C-alpha atoms as a PDB file:
ATOM      1  CA  MET A   1      16.156  16.654  11.302  1.00  0.00           C
ATOM      2  CA  LEU A   2      14.573  14.319  13.851  1.00  0.00           C
ATOM      3  CA  LEU A   3      14.100  10.818  12.445  1.00  0.00           C
ATOM      4  CA  ASP A   4      12.066   9.204  15.207  1.00  0.00           C
ATOM      5  CA  GLU A   5      10.286   5.890  15.739  1.00  0.00           C
ATOM      6  CA  THR A   6       7.012   6.997  14.076  1.00  0.00           C
ATOM      7  CA  PRO A   7       5.677   3.927  12.209  1.00  0.00           C
ATOM      8  CA  LEU A   8       4.412   4.152   8.629  1.00  0.00           C
ATOM      9  CA  PHE A   9       1.220   2.329   9.627  1.00  0.00           C
ATOM     10  CA  ASP A  10      -0.417   0.992  12.770  1.00  0.00           C
ATOM     11  CA  PRO A  11       1.712  -1.933  14.057  1.00  0.00           C
ATOM     12  CA  SER A  12      -1.401  -3.633  15.469  1.00  0.00           C
ATOM     13  CA  LEU A  13      -2.321  -4.598  11.885  1.00  0.00           C
ATOM     14  CA  LEU A  14       0.588  -7.032  11.910  1.00  0.00           C
ATOM     15  CA  HIS A  15      -0.425  -8.503  15.265  1.00  0.00           C
ATOM     16  CA  GLU A  16      -4.018  -9.063  14.121  1.00  0.00           C
ATOM     17  CA  LEU A  17      -3.207 -11.195  11.061  1.00  0.00           C
ATOM     18  CA  ASP A  18      -4.867 -14.616  10.847  1.00  0.00           C
ATOM     19  CA  TRP A  19      -1.947 -16.999  10.409  1.00  0.00           C
ATOM     20  CA  SER A  20      -4.224 -20.055  10.265  1.00  0.00           C
ATOM     21  CA  SER A  21      -4.630 -19.414   6.520  1.00  0.00           C
ATOM     22  CA  CYS A  22      -0.887 -19.189   5.837  1.00  0.00           C
ATOM     23  CA  THR A  23       0.012 -21.565   3.000  1.00  0.00           C
ATOM     24  CA  VAL A  24       3.713 -22.026   3.768  1.00  0.00           C
ATOM     25  CA  THR A  25       5.491 -23.787   6.596  1.00  0.00           C
ATOM     26  CA  PHE A  26       8.510 -22.560   8.467  1.00  0.00           C
ATOM     27  CA  SER A  27      11.250 -24.872   9.693  1.00  0.00           C
ATOM     28  CA  PRO A  28      12.459 -23.933  12.180  1.00  0.00           C
ATOM     29  CA  LEU A  29       9.257 -22.223  13.214  1.00  0.00           C
ATOM     30  CA  ILE A  30       9.284 -18.422  12.928  1.00  0.00           C
ATOM     31  CA  SER A  31       6.438 -15.906  12.968  1.00  0.00           C
ATOM     32  CA  PRO A  32       5.892 -12.137  12.845  1.00  0.00           C
ATOM     33  CA  SER A  33       6.080 -11.997  16.634  1.00  0.00           C
ATOM     34  CA  SER A  34       9.171 -14.228  16.702  1.00  0.00           C
ATOM     35  CA  PRO A  35      11.122 -13.920  13.426  1.00  0.00           C
ATOM     36  CA  GLY A  36      14.395 -15.183  14.867  1.00  0.00           C
ATOM     37  CA  GLU A  37      17.054 -14.470  17.471  1.00  0.00           C
ATOM     38  CA  GLY A  38      17.427 -10.693  17.856  1.00  0.00           C
ATOM     39  CA  LEU A  39      15.069  -9.970  14.946  1.00  0.00           C
ATOM     40  CA  VAL A  40      11.907  -7.838  14.950  1.00  0.00           C
ATOM     41  CA  LEU A  41       9.298  -7.609  12.174  1.00  0.00           C
ATOM     42  CA  ARG A  42       7.547  -4.227  12.186  1.00  0.00           C
ATOM     43  CA  PRO A  43       6.403  -1.296  10.047  1.00  0.00           C
ATOM     44  CA  LEU A  44       9.045   0.982   8.566  1.00  0.00           C
ATOM     45  CA  CYS A  45       9.735   4.014  10.761  1.00  0.00           C
ATOM     46  CA  LEU A  46      11.523   7.297  10.140  1.00  0.00           C
ATOM     47  CA  ALA A  47      14.588   6.250  12.158  1.00  0.00           C
ATOM     48  CA  ASP A  48      15.174   3.358   9.726  1.00  0.00           C
ATOM     49  CA  PHE A  49      16.880   5.811   7.395  1.00  0.00           C
ATOM     50  CA  ASN A  50      19.840   5.601   9.791  1.00  0.00           C
ATOM     51  CA  ARG A  51      19.526   1.825  10.227  1.00  0.00           C
ATOM     52  CA  GLY A  52      20.579   0.920   6.691  1.00  0.00           C
ATOM     53  CA  PHE A  53      17.156   0.789   5.012  1.00  0.00           C
ATOM     54  CA  PHE A  54      18.616   2.042   1.729  1.00  0.00           C
ATOM     55  CA  LYS A  55      21.588  -0.298   2.032  1.00  0.00           C
ATOM     56  CA  VAL A  56      19.162  -3.236   1.948  1.00  0.00           C
ATOM     57  CA  LEU A  57      17.098  -1.762  -0.905  1.00  0.00           C
ATOM     58  CA  SER A  58      20.277  -1.228  -2.922  1.00  0.00           C
ATOM     59  CA  GLN A  59      20.752  -5.012  -3.021  1.00  0.00           C
ATOM     60  CA  LEU A  60      17.591  -5.105  -5.135  1.00  0.00           C
ATOM     61  CA  THR A  61      17.876  -2.064  -7.389  1.00  0.00           C
ATOM     62  CA  LYS A  62      19.242   1.452  -7.739  1.00  0.00           C
ATOM     63  CA  THR A  63      18.173   3.708  -4.889  1.00  0.00           C
ATOM     64  CA  GLY A  64      19.952   6.936  -5.731  1.00  0.00           C
ATOM     65  CA  ASN A  65      21.298   9.397  -3.201  1.00  0.00           C
ATOM     66  CA  VAL A  66      18.411  10.118  -0.854  1.00  0.00           C
ATOM     67  CA  THR A  67      18.767  12.751   1.853  1.00  0.00           C
ATOM     68  CA  PRO A  68      17.105  12.428   5.272  1.00  0.00           C
ATOM     69  CA  GLU A  69      14.797  15.286   4.247  1.00  0.00           C
ATOM     70  CA  GLN A  70      13.731  13.518   1.042  1.00  0.00           C
ATOM     71  CA  PHE A  71      13.139  10.290   2.950  1.00  0.00           C
ATOM     72  CA  ALA A  72      11.058  12.061   5.623  1.00  0.00           C
ATOM     73  CA  LYS A  73       8.955  13.855   2.985  1.00  0.00           C
ATOM     74  CA  LYS A  74       8.260  10.643   1.036  1.00  0.00           C
ATOM     75  CA  PHE A  75       7.536   8.780   4.296  1.00  0.00           C
ATOM     76  CA  GLU A  76       4.988  11.422   5.350  1.00  0.00           C
ATOM     77  CA  ASP A  77       3.372  11.398   1.886  1.00  0.00           C
ATOM     78  CA  MET A  78       3.046   7.599   2.012  1.00  0.00           C
ATOM     79  CA  LYS A  79       1.743   7.662   5.583  1.00  0.00           C
ATOM     80  CA  MET A  80      -0.847  10.285   4.723  1.00  0.00           C
ATOM     81  CA  THR A  81      -2.357   8.200   1.887  1.00  0.00           C
ATOM     82  CA  GLY A  82      -2.788   5.160   4.109  1.00  0.00           C
ATOM     83  CA  ASP A  83      -2.091   2.896   1.130  1.00  0.00           C
ATOM     84  CA  TYR A  84       1.553   1.975   1.787  1.00  0.00           C
ATOM     85  CA  TYR A  85       2.612  -0.841   4.090  1.00  0.00           C
ATOM     86  CA  VAL A  86       6.382  -1.136   4.177  1.00  0.00           C
ATOM     87  CA  VAL A  87       7.508  -3.836   6.591  1.00  0.00           C
ATOM     88  CA  VAL A  88      11.060  -4.319   7.763  1.00  0.00           C
ATOM     89  CA  VAL A  89      13.003  -6.863   9.739  1.00  0.00           C
ATOM     90  CA  GLU A  90      15.461  -5.240  12.115  1.00  0.00           C
ATOM     91  CA  ASP A  91      18.420  -7.012  13.659  1.00  0.00           C
ATOM     92  CA  THR A  92      18.199  -5.386  17.103  1.00  0.00           C
ATOM     93  CA  ASN A  93      21.663  -6.631  18.049  1.00  0.00           C
ATOM     94  CA  LEU A  94      23.185  -4.668  15.170  1.00  0.00           C
ATOM     95  CA  GLY A  95      20.572  -1.912  15.002  1.00  0.00           C
ATOM     96  CA  GLU A  96      20.246  -2.552  11.259  1.00  0.00           C
ATOM     97  CA  ILE A  97      17.467  -3.321   8.816  1.00  0.00           C
ATOM     98  CA  VAL A  98      18.140  -6.734   7.242  1.00  0.00           C
ATOM     99  CA  ALA A  99      14.990  -7.235   5.135  1.00  0.00           C
ATOM    100  CA  THR A 100      12.061  -5.283   3.738  1.00  0.00           C
ATOM    101  CA  ALA A 101       8.996  -5.620   1.525  1.00  0.00           C
ATOM    102  CA  THR A 102       6.181  -3.296   0.491  1.00  0.00           C
ATOM    103  CA  LEU A 103       2.429  -3.755   0.035  1.00  0.00           C
ATOM    104  CA  ILE A 104       0.650  -1.008  -1.880  1.00  0.00           C
ATOM    105  CA  THR A 105      -3.131  -0.931  -2.034  1.00  0.00           C
ATOM    106  CA  GLU A 106      -4.851   0.519  -5.090  1.00  0.00           C
ATOM    107  CA  HIS A 107      -8.426   1.742  -4.911  1.00  0.00           C
ATOM    108  CA  LYS A 108     -10.560   0.529  -7.814  1.00  0.00           C
ATOM    109  CA  PHE A 109     -14.009   1.180  -9.221  1.00  0.00           C
ATOM    110  CA  ILE A 110     -14.196  -2.439 -10.384  1.00  0.00           C
ATOM    111  CA  HIS A 111     -15.254  -5.281  -8.098  1.00  0.00           C
ATOM    112  CA  ALA A 112     -17.694  -2.994  -6.275  1.00  0.00           C
ATOM    113  CA  CYS A 113     -15.057  -0.320  -5.556  1.00  0.00           C
ATOM    114  CA  ALA A 114     -12.657  -2.853  -4.092  1.00  0.00           C
ATOM    115  CA  LYS A 115      -8.925  -2.618  -3.438  1.00  0.00           C
ATOM    116  CA  ARG A 116      -6.095  -4.488  -5.116  1.00  0.00           C
ATOM    117  CA  GLY A 117      -2.847  -5.248  -3.317  1.00  0.00           C
ATOM    118  CA  ARG A 118       0.543  -5.166  -4.987  1.00  0.00           C
ATOM    119  CA  VAL A 119       3.749  -6.577  -3.497  1.00  0.00           C
ATOM    120  CA  GLU A 120       6.904  -4.632  -4.310  1.00  0.00           C
ATOM    121  CA  GLU A 121      10.553  -4.464  -3.303  1.00  0.00           C
ATOM    122  CA  VAL A 122      10.989  -7.765  -1.454  1.00  0.00           C
ATOM    123  CA  VAL A 123      14.636  -7.998  -0.424  1.00  0.00           C
ATOM    124  CA  VAL A 124      16.649  -9.723   2.267  1.00  0.00           C
ATOM    125  CA  THR A 125      20.223  -8.602   2.837  1.00  0.00           C
ATOM    126  CA  ASP A 126      22.747 -11.105   1.516  1.00  0.00           C
ATOM    127  CA  VAL A 127      24.067 -11.992   4.995  1.00  0.00           C
ATOM    128  CA  CYS A 128      20.555 -13.000   6.178  1.00  0.00           C
ATOM    129  CA  ARG A 129      19.383 -15.060   3.215  1.00  0.00           C
ATOM    130  CA  GLY A 130      18.384 -18.593   4.100  1.00  0.00           C
ATOM    131  CA  LYS A 131      16.758 -17.560   7.398  1.00  0.00           C
ATOM    132  CA  GLN A 132      13.215 -17.692   5.906  1.00  0.00           C
ATOM    133  CA  LEU A 133      12.825 -13.917   6.125  1.00  0.00           C
ATOM    134  CA  GLY A 134      11.627 -13.640   2.514  1.00  0.00           C
ATOM    135  CA  LYS A 135       8.958 -16.246   3.259  1.00  0.00           C
ATOM    136  CA  LEU A 136       7.977 -14.336   6.382  1.00  0.00           C
ATOM    137  CA  LEU A 137       7.716 -11.019   4.522  1.00  0.00           C
ATOM    138  CA  VAL A 138       5.658 -12.392   1.629  1.00  0.00           C
ATOM    139  CA  SER A 139       3.374 -14.342   3.987  1.00  0.00           C
ATOM    140  CA  THR A 140       2.872 -11.229   6.093  1.00  0.00           C
ATOM    141  CA  LEU A 141       2.004  -9.010   3.127  1.00  0.00           C
ATOM    142  CA  THR A 142      -0.270 -11.639   1.587  1.00  0.00           C
ATOM    143  CA  LEU A 143      -2.214 -12.018   4.840  1.00  0.00           C
ATOM    144  CA  LEU A 144      -2.231  -8.251   5.347  1.00  0.00           C
ATOM    145  CA  SER A 145      -3.780  -7.689   1.916  1.00  0.00           C
ATOM    146  CA  LYS A 146      -6.527 -10.142   2.829  1.00  0.00           C
ATOM    147  CA  ARG A 147      -7.044  -8.345   6.163  1.00  0.00           C
ATOM    148  CA  LEU A 148      -7.319  -5.042   4.262  1.00  0.00           C
ATOM    149  CA  ASN A 149     -10.083  -6.572   2.080  1.00  0.00           C
ATOM    150  CA  CYS A 150      -8.159  -6.568  -1.191  1.00  0.00           C
ATOM    151  CA  TYR A 151      -9.937  -8.602  -3.865  1.00  0.00           C
ATOM    152  CA  LYS A 152      -6.553  -9.783  -5.182  1.00  0.00           C
ATOM    153  CA  ILE A 153      -2.842  -9.306  -4.685  1.00  0.00           C
ATOM    154  CA  THR A 154      -0.259  -9.289  -7.457  1.00  0.00           C
ATOM    155  CA  LEU A 155       3.477  -9.011  -7.899  1.00  0.00           C
ATOM    156  CA  GLU A 156       6.100  -9.028 -10.599  1.00  0.00           C
ATOM    157  CA  CYS A 157       9.068 -11.351 -10.398  1.00  0.00           C
ATOM    158  CA  ALA A 158      11.868 -12.796 -12.437  1.00  0.00           C
ATOM    159  CA  PRO A 159      11.107 -16.206 -14.000  1.00  0.00           C
ATOM    160  CA  LYS A 160      13.629 -17.829 -11.645  1.00  0.00           C
ATOM    161  CA  ASN A 161      11.501 -16.707  -8.647  1.00  0.00           C
ATOM    162  CA  VAL A 162       8.124 -18.021  -9.860  1.00  0.00           C
ATOM    163  CA  GLY A 163       8.442 -21.254  -7.846  1.00  0.00           C
ATOM    164  CA  PHE A 164       9.111 -19.303  -4.664  1.00  0.00           C
ATOM    165  CA  TYR A 165       5.936 -17.225  -5.004  1.00  0.00           C
ATOM    166  CA  GLN A 166       3.800 -20.219  -5.991  1.00  0.00           C
ATOM    167  CA  LYS A 167       4.299 -21.532  -2.425  1.00  0.00           C
ATOM    168  CA  PHE A 168       2.136 -18.646  -1.234  1.00  0.00           C
ATOM    169  CA  GLY A 169      -0.705 -19.372  -3.652  1.00  0.00           C
ATOM    170  CA  TYR A 170       0.396 -16.973  -6.395  1.00  0.00           C
ATOM    171  CA  VAL A 171      -0.152 -18.200  -9.951  1.00  0.00           C
ATOM    172  CA  ALA A 172       1.271 -16.876 -13.196  1.00  0.00           C
ATOM    173  CA  ALA A 173      -1.363 -14.883 -15.051  1.00  0.00           C
ATOM    174  CA  ASP A 174      -1.856 -14.830 -18.793  1.00  0.00           C
ATOM    175  CA  ASP A 175      -1.528 -11.043 -18.750  1.00  0.00           C
ATOM    176  CA  THR A 176       1.402  -9.498 -20.527  1.00  0.00           C
ATOM    177  CA  TYR A 177       3.463  -7.227 -18.339  1.00  0.00           C
ATOM    178  CA  MET A 178       4.511  -4.113 -20.188  1.00  0.00           C
ATOM    179  CA  GLN A 179       6.312  -0.980 -19.138  1.00  0.00           C
ATOM    180  CA  HIS A 180       7.405   2.385 -20.412  1.00  0.00           C
ATOM    181  CA  ARG A 181      10.393   3.636 -18.421  1.00  0.00           C
ATOM    182  CA  PHE A 182      11.231   7.294 -18.134  1.00  0.00           C
ATOM    183  CA  PHE A 183      14.312   6.794 -15.941  1.00  0.00           C
ATOM    184  CA  ASP A 184      16.631   3.881 -15.119  1.00  0.00           C
END
């Protein structure tokens, strides 16, 4: 199976973001076009299966045993909907994915048939924590949701991470988060 460099979404979306409205500061200065020495911020591509994408995700939660065929099928399904924006940071020196985060857009009838953005699966590999990559990913997805005309963006996080997300303008809602799990 050929796992090529096909991106999940148009990379120009990342280059067109308006960083003047970014609410966090970076010290030292990093940006999507310059995330750090040997690092590249870009959309997920098929070849990332072989660059440790699941190794990074497994530092967040269970990933299961995913075959290249399963990955390619899910990738194509996500690409076809146009509602999934998985960004990765690749260490080009190592040829490995070191961070990832996902923005999912939901189409609504409310708010004049608007879209809602949802941030999921933000994770930076343990050896790259402290390099501001989490800040870069969340800033990127927040600005991307605005660019995609979402009326709001939400996320779920552990109580210990609330302060981190508040830096980006997120506020705790009064809503109660509930779930009904069918699998672990």
